Amino acid sequence: MAELVTVCIPIYKRLNTLSRALQSVAAQDYSHIELIVSDNGQNGNKVKEIVEQWYPRPFRFRQNPSTVPISPHYNQLIEAATGQYCVVLDDDDTLSPDFVSELSGVLDSNPNVTVALAQQESVDVTGKVLHRSSDKLPRILSGENFIRSWNGHGFECYTAMLGRTALMRSCGGYEDFPRGTHSDDALLIKLCLNGSMAFGQHCTFRWQINDSSYGWSMSCDELAEDTRQFLRFLEHHPTIVAYAARQPGQWKELKPLLLKLGWFTYFERWSTIYKERMPYGQWAKAAFAMPYIPEYYQSVRSPLRYGTKDATMKGLKSSLPWLPALYRTLTGRANPSSK
């Protein structure tokens, strides 16, 4: 008999895209699906009415009496799931009709596989495809090898991963980072360290990019706090600690790759979108929001050095007179041979 698969759709205040997500679940060619829709936005009867209109099968509905942060909300859904496998689908994203059948089939056939990913299409609000993941993915890949090649397969997010429900619960589910940045990465890392990855060869996850789902709406300080918590997760989470004790050689190799996964997300946004948004002095100060990681501080040298050569340096010296000295100290420490 086919295993029951739980598809979870969390909702906050954005209701206009929910019908599309529901239709993609209803169109699955796999009938043994449990749909759970959870209202975290205190929307009254609106969410349930939309589900009843657009989803023709039985479903489960839950509603939080007050809003909780994003990661605890996702974990409520994992706790509520009764399926052998579970996937969280955001309300503005969609699944191809063969998503559940293909990925659950891989999990059925490979007990060591802990999580499966479909091919990914990133789309804008009009549905135009902006980016596709690689179409040359292996069927099965060890968790360690996936981490080694994390950025090499063309995935831009990991929200719709089909995992083994019991393992997702036992490893703690989504980490409770304040704004949710890195929380899906952290869950995927925990699943990778417990087994192998699988990739769909035909099915697709369509991820809609907009300011709220891509994380561009948060402040630089909020992103910094999420990133610092992710870096602490890599040091202290029980799953990580247990793996490091069990596989010290592997962890010595993997840890720097995962550290970079965290700090590079911050660096990339700091050096681009936040540079445009923030006054120069605040932006320069934000460069030092990360703990001391030599590779990170080597990376911030060029943007800061470029900034010190233009006219804004005068304002920087007057508003933050201590910053140039701190910059020289940290970047000198990052590269002791520099003069």
Protein backbone atom coordinates (compact mmCIF):
# COMPACT_ATOMS: atom_id res chain seq x y z
CA MET A 1 0.00 0.00 0.00
CA ALA A 2 1.26 3.50 -0.81
CA GLU A 3 2.56 5.48 2.15
CA LEU A 4 0.56 8.46 3.35
CA VAL A 5 2.25 11.77 2.45
CA THR A 6 1.42 14.96 4.34
CA VAL A 7 1.49 18.27 2.44
CA CYS A 8 1.50 21.24 4.81
CA ILE A 9 0.56 24.77 3.73
CA PRO A 10 1.28 27.50 6.30
CA ILE A 11 -0.58 30.80 5.92
CA TYR A 12 0.01 34.24 7.40
CA LYS A 13 -1.69 37.26 5.77
CA ARG A 14 -1.08 36.59 2.07
CA LEU A 15 -4.24 34.91 0.81
CA ASN A 16 -4.30 35.88 -2.85
CA THR A 17 -1.91 33.13 -3.98
CA LEU A 18 -3.28 30.28 -1.86
CA SER A 19 -5.67 29.01 -4.55
CA ARG A 20 -2.76 28.27 -6.88
CA ALA A 21 -0.90 26.24 -4.25
CA LEU A 22 -4.08 24.31 -3.42
CA GLN A 23 -4.75 23.50 -7.07
CA SER A 24 -1.24 22.10 -7.45
CA VAL A 25 -1.84 19.75 -4.50
CA ALA A 26 -5.24 18.73 -5.84
CA ALA A 27 -3.62 17.91 -9.21
CA GLN A 28 -1.18 15.38 -7.77
CA ASP A 29 -1.27 11.98 -9.46
CA TYR A 30 -0.78 10.35 -6.03
CA SER A 31 -4.03 9.90 -4.14
CA HIS A 32 -2.79 9.02 -0.64
CA ILE A 33 -2.23 12.63 0.47
CA GLU A 34 -3.07 14.34 3.74
CA LEU A 35 -3.37 18.11 3.27
CA ILE A 36 -3.00 20.32 6.35
CA VAL A 37 -3.58 24.05 6.01
CA SER A 38 -2.63 26.19 8.99
CA ASP A 39 -3.72 29.79 9.56
CA ASN A 40 -1.12 31.72 11.54
CA GLY A 41 -2.52 35.15 10.71
CA GLN A 42 -5.81 35.26 12.65
CA ASN A 43 -7.78 35.50 9.41
CA GLY A 44 -11.13 34.32 10.76
CA ASN A 45 -12.98 32.05 8.32
CA LYS A 46 -11.26 33.38 5.19
CA VAL A 47 -8.56 30.72 4.87
CA LYS A 48 -10.88 27.77 5.40
CA GLU A 49 -13.33 29.18 2.87
CA ILE A 50 -10.57 29.46 0.25
CA VAL A 51 -9.50 25.85 0.88
CA GLU A 52 -13.06 24.60 0.58
CA GLN A 53 -13.44 26.47 -2.70
CA TRP A 54 -10.24 25.26 -4.36
CA TYR A 55 -9.46 21.85 -2.82
CA PRO A 56 -12.07 19.19 -3.67
CA ARG A 57 -10.74 16.49 -1.33
CA PRO A 58 -10.90 16.10 2.47
CA PHE A 59 -8.34 18.21 4.32
CA ARG A 60 -7.33 19.18 7.83
CA PHE A 61 -7.47 22.77 8.97
CA ARG A 62 -5.81 24.29 12.00
CA GLN A 63 -5.70 27.87 13.27
CA ASN A 64 -3.41 29.48 15.81
CA PRO A 65 -5.28 31.71 18.29
CA SER A 66 -2.34 34.13 18.11
CA THR A 67 0.49 34.48 15.64
CA VAL A 68 3.70 32.54 16.33
CA PRO A 69 7.10 32.98 14.59
CA ILE A 70 7.62 31.30 11.25
CA SER A 71 9.79 28.34 12.33
CA PRO A 72 7.59 27.29 15.28
CA HIS A 73 4.61 27.49 12.92
CA TYR A 74 6.31 25.14 10.46
CA ASN A 75 7.16 22.79 13.32
CA GLN A 76 3.52 22.77 14.44
CA LEU A 77 2.68 21.39 11.02
CA ILE A 78 5.36 18.70 11.21
CA GLU A 79 4.03 17.69 14.62
CA ALA A 80 0.48 17.54 13.25
CA ALA A 81 1.44 15.42 10.22
CA THR A 82 0.38 11.77 10.27
CA GLY A 83 2.00 10.83 6.96
CA GLN A 84 5.16 8.76 6.70
CA TYR A 85 6.62 11.60 4.63
CA CYS A 86 6.06 15.33 4.94
CA VAL A 87 6.62 18.46 2.85
CA VAL A 88 5.94 22.13 3.64
CA LEU A 89 4.60 24.12 0.69
CA ASP A 90 4.47 27.90 1.03
CA ASP A 91 1.24 29.50 -0.11
CA ASP A 92 2.75 31.20 -3.19
CA ASP A 93 4.60 28.12 -4.51
CA THR A 94 3.43 25.13 -6.55
CA LEU A 95 4.27 21.48 -7.22
CA SER A 96 4.16 19.62 -10.51
CA PRO A 97 1.52 16.81 -10.61
CA ASP A 98 4.18 14.08 -10.22
CA PHE A 99 6.00 15.70 -7.26
CA VAL A 100 4.62 13.44 -4.52
CA SER A 101 4.55 10.23 -6.55
CA GLU A 102 8.13 10.50 -7.80
CA LEU A 103 9.79 11.63 -4.59
CA SER A 104 7.85 9.32 -2.27
CA GLY A 105 8.72 6.44 -4.60
CA VAL A 106 12.41 7.21 -4.18
CA LEU A 107 12.05 7.28 -0.38
CA ASP A 108 10.09 4.01 -0.47
CA SER A 109 12.85 2.29 -2.44
CA ASN A 110 15.85 3.67 -0.55
CA PRO A 111 15.68 3.39 3.25
CA ASN A 112 18.93 5.31 3.68
CA VAL A 113 17.53 8.36 1.87
CA THR A 114 16.28 10.87 4.43
CA VAL A 115 15.09 13.67 2.14
CA ALA A 116 14.26 14.21 -1.53
CA LEU A 117 14.24 17.32 -3.72
CA ALA A 118 12.47 18.01 -7.00
CA GLN A 119 14.00 20.02 -9.79
CA GLN A 120 13.46 23.70 -9.08
CA GLU A 121 12.14 26.57 -11.15
CA SER A 122 12.40 30.09 -9.73
CA VAL A 123 9.61 32.27 -11.13
CA ASP A 124 8.55 35.90 -10.78
CA VAL A 125 5.06 37.03 -9.82
CA THR A 126 3.90 36.68 -13.43
CA GLY A 127 5.05 33.06 -13.59
CA LYS A 128 8.03 33.78 -15.84
CA VAL A 129 10.86 31.31 -15.20
CA LEU A 130 13.97 33.15 -14.05
CA HIS A 131 16.22 30.22 -13.17
CA ARG A 132 16.24 26.42 -13.23
CA SER A 133 18.23 23.97 -11.18
CA SER A 134 20.50 21.53 -12.96
CA ASP A 135 18.83 18.80 -15.01
CA LYS A 136 21.85 16.54 -14.57
CA LEU A 137 21.43 15.63 -10.92
CA PRO A 138 22.26 12.14 -9.68
CA ARG A 139 19.39 10.02 -8.44
CA ILE A 140 21.05 9.45 -5.06
CA LEU A 141 23.86 11.40 -3.40
CA SER A 142 25.36 10.96 0.04
CA GLY A 143 24.50 13.71 2.49
CA GLU A 144 28.16 14.64 2.84
CA ASN A 145 28.64 14.92 -0.92
CA PHE A 146 25.56 17.10 -1.21
CA ILE A 147 27.03 19.47 1.38
CA ARG A 148 30.32 19.52 -0.53
CA SER A 149 28.47 20.56 -3.69
CA TRP A 150 25.74 22.64 -1.98
CA ASN A 151 25.86 25.51 -4.45
CA GLY A 152 26.70 23.39 -7.47
CA HIS A 153 23.24 22.13 -8.39
CA GLY A 154 21.47 25.43 -8.99
CA PHE A 155 18.96 25.34 -6.13
CA GLU A 156 18.02 28.76 -4.77
CA CYS A 157 15.97 27.62 -1.77
CA TYR A 158 15.03 24.40 0.00
CA THR A 159 11.55 25.07 1.33
CA ALA A 160 9.82 22.15 -0.42
CA MET A 161 11.84 19.15 0.72
CA LEU A 162 10.06 15.82 1.12
CA GLY A 163 11.45 14.20 4.26
CA ARG A 164 10.76 11.34 6.60
CA THR A 165 8.35 12.81 9.14
CA ALA A 166 9.67 10.96 12.19
CA LEU A 167 13.24 12.04 11.48
CA MET A 168 12.19 15.63 10.84
CA ARG A 169 10.60 15.62 14.30
CA SER A 170 13.40 13.83 16.11
CA CYS A 171 16.10 16.19 14.82
CA GLY A 172 14.13 19.23 15.97
CA GLY A 173 12.52 20.33 12.72
CA TYR A 174 13.09 23.91 11.62
CA GLU A 175 15.49 25.89 13.78
CA ASP A 176 13.89 28.87 15.51
CA PHE A 177 15.92 31.68 13.96
CA PRO A 178 14.01 34.97 14.51
CA ARG A 179 13.16 35.76 10.88
CA GLY A 180 13.53 32.23 9.51
CA THR A 181 16.60 32.85 7.33
CA HIS A 182 18.75 29.68 7.18
CA SER A 183 16.04 27.61 8.97
CA ASP A 184 15.37 25.41 5.93
CA ASP A 185 19.13 25.10 5.35
CA ALA A 186 19.60 23.97 8.96
CA LEU A 187 16.89 21.30 8.65
CA LEU A 188 18.36 20.06 5.38
CA ILE A 189 21.83 19.86 6.96
CA LYS A 190 20.48 17.76 9.83
CA LEU A 191 18.75 15.40 7.41
CA CYS A 192 21.90 15.17 5.25
CA LEU A 193 24.02 14.20 8.26
CA ASN A 194 21.59 11.36 8.98
CA GLY A 195 21.64 9.75 5.53
CA SER A 196 21.53 10.31 1.78
CA MET A 197 19.80 12.79 -0.53
CA ALA A 198 17.59 11.94 -3.51
CA PHE A 199 16.69 14.09 -6.50
CA GLY A 200 13.65 13.91 -8.72
CA GLN A 201 14.44 13.43 -12.37
CA HIS A 202 11.12 14.70 -13.70
CA CYS A 203 9.06 16.47 -11.02
CA THR A 204 9.33 20.19 -10.34
CA PHE A 205 8.94 22.63 -7.48
CA ARG A 206 8.10 26.17 -8.62
CA TRP A 207 9.36 28.80 -6.19
CA GLN A 208 7.91 32.28 -6.58
CA ILE A 209 10.37 35.07 -5.85
CA ASN A 210 9.12 38.22 -4.18
CA ASP A 211 10.41 40.52 -1.47
CA SER A 212 8.82 38.66 1.43
CA SER A 213 9.61 35.09 0.38
CA TYR A 214 13.18 35.91 -0.65
CA GLY A 215 13.99 37.62 2.63
CA TRP A 216 14.71 41.04 1.16
CA SER A 217 12.12 42.70 3.39
CA MET A 218 14.08 42.15 6.61
CA SER A 219 16.58 44.61 7.99
CA CYS A 220 20.32 44.05 7.90
CA ASP A 221 20.33 43.69 11.71
CA GLU A 222 17.68 40.96 11.49
CA LEU A 223 19.64 39.08 8.85
CA ALA A 224 22.80 39.40 10.96
CA GLU A 225 21.04 37.93 14.01
CA ASP A 226 19.65 34.99 11.99
CA THR A 227 23.11 34.36 10.56
CA ARG A 228 24.82 34.47 13.96
CA GLN A 229 22.28 31.98 15.28
CA PHE A 230 22.91 29.71 12.29
CA LEU A 231 26.66 29.83 12.98
CA ARG A 232 25.99 28.91 16.64
CA PHE A 233 23.75 26.07 15.45
CA LEU A 234 26.75 24.63 13.58
CA GLU A 235 28.72 24.60 16.83
CA HIS A 236 26.17 23.39 19.35
CA HIS A 237 23.16 21.54 17.91
CA PRO A 238 22.97 17.92 19.21
CA THR A 239 22.73 16.49 15.69
CA ILE A 240 25.88 18.37 14.67
CA VAL A 241 27.76 17.49 17.86
CA ALA A 242 26.85 13.81 17.49
CA TYR A 243 27.96 13.73 13.86
CA ALA A 244 31.24 15.49 14.66
CA ALA A 245 31.98 12.89 17.35
CA ARG A 246 31.02 10.03 15.04
CA GLN A 247 32.80 11.32 11.93
CA PRO A 248 35.52 13.78 13.06
CA GLY A 249 37.43 13.63 9.78
CA GLN A 250 34.34 14.29 7.69
CA TRP A 251 33.21 17.11 9.96
CA LYS A 252 36.61 18.80 9.79
CA GLU A 253 36.10 19.04 6.04
CA LEU A 254 32.39 19.91 6.07
CA LYS A 255 32.35 22.53 8.82
CA PRO A 256 34.16 25.30 6.87
CA LEU A 257 31.81 24.73 3.93
CA LEU A 258 28.77 25.14 6.14
CA LEU A 259 30.21 28.17 7.92
CA LYS A 260 30.64 29.79 4.52
CA LEU A 261 27.08 28.88 3.60
CA GLY A 262 25.98 31.07 6.51
CA TRP A 263 28.30 34.04 6.35
CA PHE A 264 28.27 34.30 2.55
CA THR A 265 24.50 34.82 2.53
CA TYR A 266 25.00 37.77 4.86
CA PHE A 267 27.99 39.10 2.92
CA GLU A 268 26.20 38.86 -0.43
CA ARG A 269 23.18 40.85 0.75
CA TRP A 270 25.26 43.30 2.81
CA SER A 271 27.45 44.11 -0.20
CA THR A 272 24.51 44.58 -2.59
CA ILE A 273 20.97 45.31 -1.40
CA TYR A 274 21.88 46.75 2.01
CA LYS A 275 24.57 48.96 0.48
CA GLU A 276 21.79 50.59 -1.54
CA ARG A 277 19.36 50.83 1.36
CA MET A 278 21.51 52.04 4.26
CA PRO A 279 23.39 55.26 5.04
CA TYR A 280 27.07 54.66 4.39
CA GLY A 281 28.16 54.77 8.02
CA GLN A 282 25.53 52.25 9.14
CA TRP A 283 26.35 50.02 6.18
CA ALA A 284 30.08 50.05 6.96
CA LYS A 285 29.41 49.32 10.63
CA ALA A 286 27.22 46.36 9.61
CA ALA A 287 30.26 44.73 7.98
CA PHE A 288 31.44 43.86 11.48
CA ALA A 289 28.22 42.15 12.60
CA MET A 290 29.69 38.67 12.02
CA PRO A 291 31.91 36.84 14.52
CA TYR A 292 35.57 36.63 13.61
CA ILE A 293 35.84 34.35 10.57
CA PRO A 294 39.02 35.07 8.58
CA GLU A 295 37.52 34.30 5.20
CA TYR A 296 34.56 36.57 5.84
CA TYR A 297 36.69 39.52 6.89
CA GLN A 298 38.96 39.00 3.91
CA SER A 299 35.84 39.24 1.75
CA VAL A 300 34.63 42.53 3.26
CA ARG A 301 37.99 44.21 2.67
CA SER A 302 37.32 45.08 -0.97
CA PRO A 303 33.88 46.68 -0.50
CA LEU A 304 35.10 48.66 2.50
CA ARG A 305 38.36 49.66 0.86
CA TYR A 306 36.48 50.85 -2.21
CA GLY A 307 34.21 52.89 0.03
CA THR A 308 37.11 54.54 1.82
CA LYS A 309 38.36 55.93 -1.50
CA ASP A 310 35.27 57.98 -2.27
CA ALA A 311 33.90 61.15 -0.78
CA THR A 312 31.69 59.34 1.71
CA MET A 313 34.77 58.60 3.80
CA LYS A 314 34.55 62.11 5.22
CA GLY A 315 31.11 61.38 6.64
CA LEU A 316 32.29 58.01 7.89
CA LYS A 317 35.17 59.56 9.85
CA SER A 318 32.93 62.10 11.48
CA SER A 319 30.04 59.77 12.36
CA LEU A 320 32.07 56.64 13.20
CA PRO A 321 35.63 57.79 13.97
CA TRP A 322 36.56 54.41 15.42
CA LEU A 323 35.58 52.38 12.32
CA PRO A 324 38.66 52.88 10.09
CA ALA A 325 40.95 51.73 12.91
CA LEU A 326 38.75 48.71 13.62
CA TYR A 327 38.71 47.89 9.91
CA ARG A 328 42.52 48.00 9.74
CA THR A 329 42.78 45.83 12.86
CA LEU A 330 40.35 43.15 11.71
CA THR A 331 41.47 42.97 8.11
CA GLY A 332 45.09 42.91 9.26
CA ARG A 333 44.20 40.04 11.58
CA ALA A 334 42.44 38.28 8.70
CA ASN A 335 45.60 38.61 6.59
CA PRO A 336 48.63 39.15 8.84
CA SER A 337 50.96 39.55 5.85
CA SER A 338 49.07 42.59 4.57
CA LYS A 339 50.66 46.02 5.05
